[in-house]
Each structure stands twice: as structure tokens, then as C-alpha cells.
Amino acid sequence: MQIDRRTKDIEVITLRRDDIFIKKITKSDFETPMLGAGLTPKVIENIFMKFKKLLPKWGAFVDQSFINTRMKNEYKELIIIKAKQLELIK
């Protein structure tokens, strides 16, 4: 019986993981659970502003990594794409 339960748990985790990759994550995907956890809109906005301020540092961190230039550029492009999805930049 434990084996069946483990299998179900693995399936749920897999489905959730697949959903994350299929869906374009938006700002509201983070805001909703934050509000549900009792954070105020002002606190949530401050969190997003901190992330926004860190964007240049993320790019610098990627530049310092050991990966090749092509991969560095792809990672930095991905950071920009995700920042736009989260409405951190336009």
C-alpha cells in the first residue's frame, strides 16, 4: 500500500512540474499565494522592487560564471524574459 501512495505522490509532483514548464508564470502567480499567506500588497510590491533592483547583479553573476559565452548570453536573455513575465521590466 505504501508503494501505491508513493507512486501517486510522484505523479502529482510530476504533473505540477509539467504545469510549471507549460504555463508562462506571471506576477499574479506569486501575488495570489503571498496575499493568501497574509502579506499586504505594499510588502509584496517591495519584494518585487527588490528583485528588480537585483537584475543587473544577476547578469553580472552570469558573466562571472565558468560557462561559455553562448550559454551566458542565453541565461541573461532568459533572465530578461522572466523579468518581463513578472512585470519587473517592460
Protein backbone atom coordinates (compact mmCIF):
# COMPACT_ATOMS: atom_id res chain seq x y z
CA MET A 1 0.00 0.00 0.00
CA GLN A 2 2.87 2.41 0.67
CA ILE A 3 4.21 1.76 -2.80
CA ASP A 4 0.90 2.87 -4.34
CA ARG A 5 0.92 6.02 -2.22
CA ARG A 6 4.47 6.85 -3.28
CA THR A 7 3.50 6.37 -6.90
CA LYS A 8 0.58 8.78 -6.52
CA ASP A 9 2.82 11.36 -4.85
CA ILE A 10 5.36 11.08 -7.65
CA GLU A 11 2.62 11.53 -10.25
CA VAL A 12 1.33 14.66 -8.52
CA ILE A 13 4.82 16.12 -8.33
CA THR A 14 5.39 15.29 -11.98
CA LEU A 15 2.11 16.90 -13.03
CA ARG A 16 2.92 20.03 -11.09
CA ARG A 17 6.39 20.18 -12.59
CA ASP A 18 4.96 19.79 -16.09
CA ASP A 19 2.40 22.51 -15.41
CA ILE A 20 5.17 24.90 -14.44
CA PHE A 21 7.01 24.30 -17.70
CA ILE A 22 3.88 24.59 -19.82
CA LYS A 23 2.46 27.71 -18.20
CA LYS A 24 4.05 31.11 -18.53
CA ILE A 25 4.42 32.22 -14.94
CA THR A 26 3.03 35.67 -14.27
CA LYS A 27 3.25 38.16 -11.44
CA SER A 28 -0.19 37.15 -10.19
CA ASP A 29 1.02 33.55 -9.79
CA PHE A 30 3.23 34.88 -7.00
CA GLU A 31 0.92 37.59 -5.67
CA THR A 32 -2.02 35.28 -5.01
CA PRO A 33 -0.21 32.92 -2.62
CA MET A 34 1.57 35.85 -0.98
CA LEU A 35 -1.77 37.52 -0.28
CA GLY A 36 -3.09 34.18 0.94
CA ALA A 37 -0.15 33.98 3.35
CA GLY A 38 -1.17 37.31 4.81
CA LEU A 39 1.31 39.66 3.14
CA THR A 40 -0.01 43.12 2.36
CA PRO A 41 0.06 44.50 -1.19
CA LYS A 42 2.73 47.02 -0.10
CA VAL A 43 5.02 44.25 1.22
CA ILE A 44 4.51 42.25 -1.98
CA GLU A 45 5.37 45.26 -4.13
CA ASN A 46 8.51 45.84 -2.05
CA ILE A 47 9.58 42.24 -2.70
CA PHE A 48 9.17 42.71 -6.45
CA MET A 49 11.09 46.01 -6.30
CA LYS A 50 13.99 44.24 -4.56
CA PHE A 51 14.06 41.64 -7.32
CA LYS A 52 14.01 44.42 -9.91
CA LYS A 53 16.98 46.14 -8.29
CA LEU A 54 18.92 42.86 -8.36
CA LEU A 55 18.50 42.26 -12.11
CA PRO A 56 21.86 43.87 -13.05
CA LYS A 57 23.62 41.76 -10.43
CA TRP A 58 22.10 38.60 -11.88
CA GLY A 59 23.61 39.45 -15.27
CA ALA A 60 26.99 40.20 -13.66
CA PHE A 61 26.83 36.89 -11.79
CA VAL A 62 26.23 35.03 -15.05
CA ASP A 63 29.16 36.87 -16.64
CA GLN A 64 31.44 35.64 -13.85
CA SER A 65 30.43 32.02 -14.32
CA PHE A 66 32.56 29.35 -15.98
CA ILE A 67 30.11 28.59 -18.82
CA ASN A 68 30.82 29.55 -22.41
CA THR A 69 29.80 32.90 -23.88
CA ARG A 70 26.85 31.50 -25.83
CA MET A 71 25.34 29.97 -22.70
CA LYS A 72 25.98 33.17 -20.73
CA ASN A 73 24.03 35.13 -23.32
CA GLU A 74 21.20 32.59 -23.26
CA TYR A 75 20.96 32.75 -19.47
CA LYS A 76 20.93 36.55 -19.49
CA GLU A 77 18.23 36.51 -22.18
CA LEU A 78 16.18 34.08 -20.08
CA ILE A 79 16.52 36.40 -17.06
CA ILE A 80 15.15 39.27 -19.16
CA ILE A 81 12.27 37.16 -20.48
CA LYS A 82 11.27 36.05 -16.98
CA ALA A 83 11.63 39.60 -15.63
CA LYS A 84 9.22 40.78 -18.32
CA GLN A 85 6.76 37.99 -17.45
CA LEU A 86 6.87 39.14 -13.83
CA GLU A 87 6.40 42.74 -14.95
CA LEU A 88 9.74 43.76 -13.42
CA ILE A 89 10.80 45.39 -16.71
CA LYS A 90 8.98 46.41 -19.88
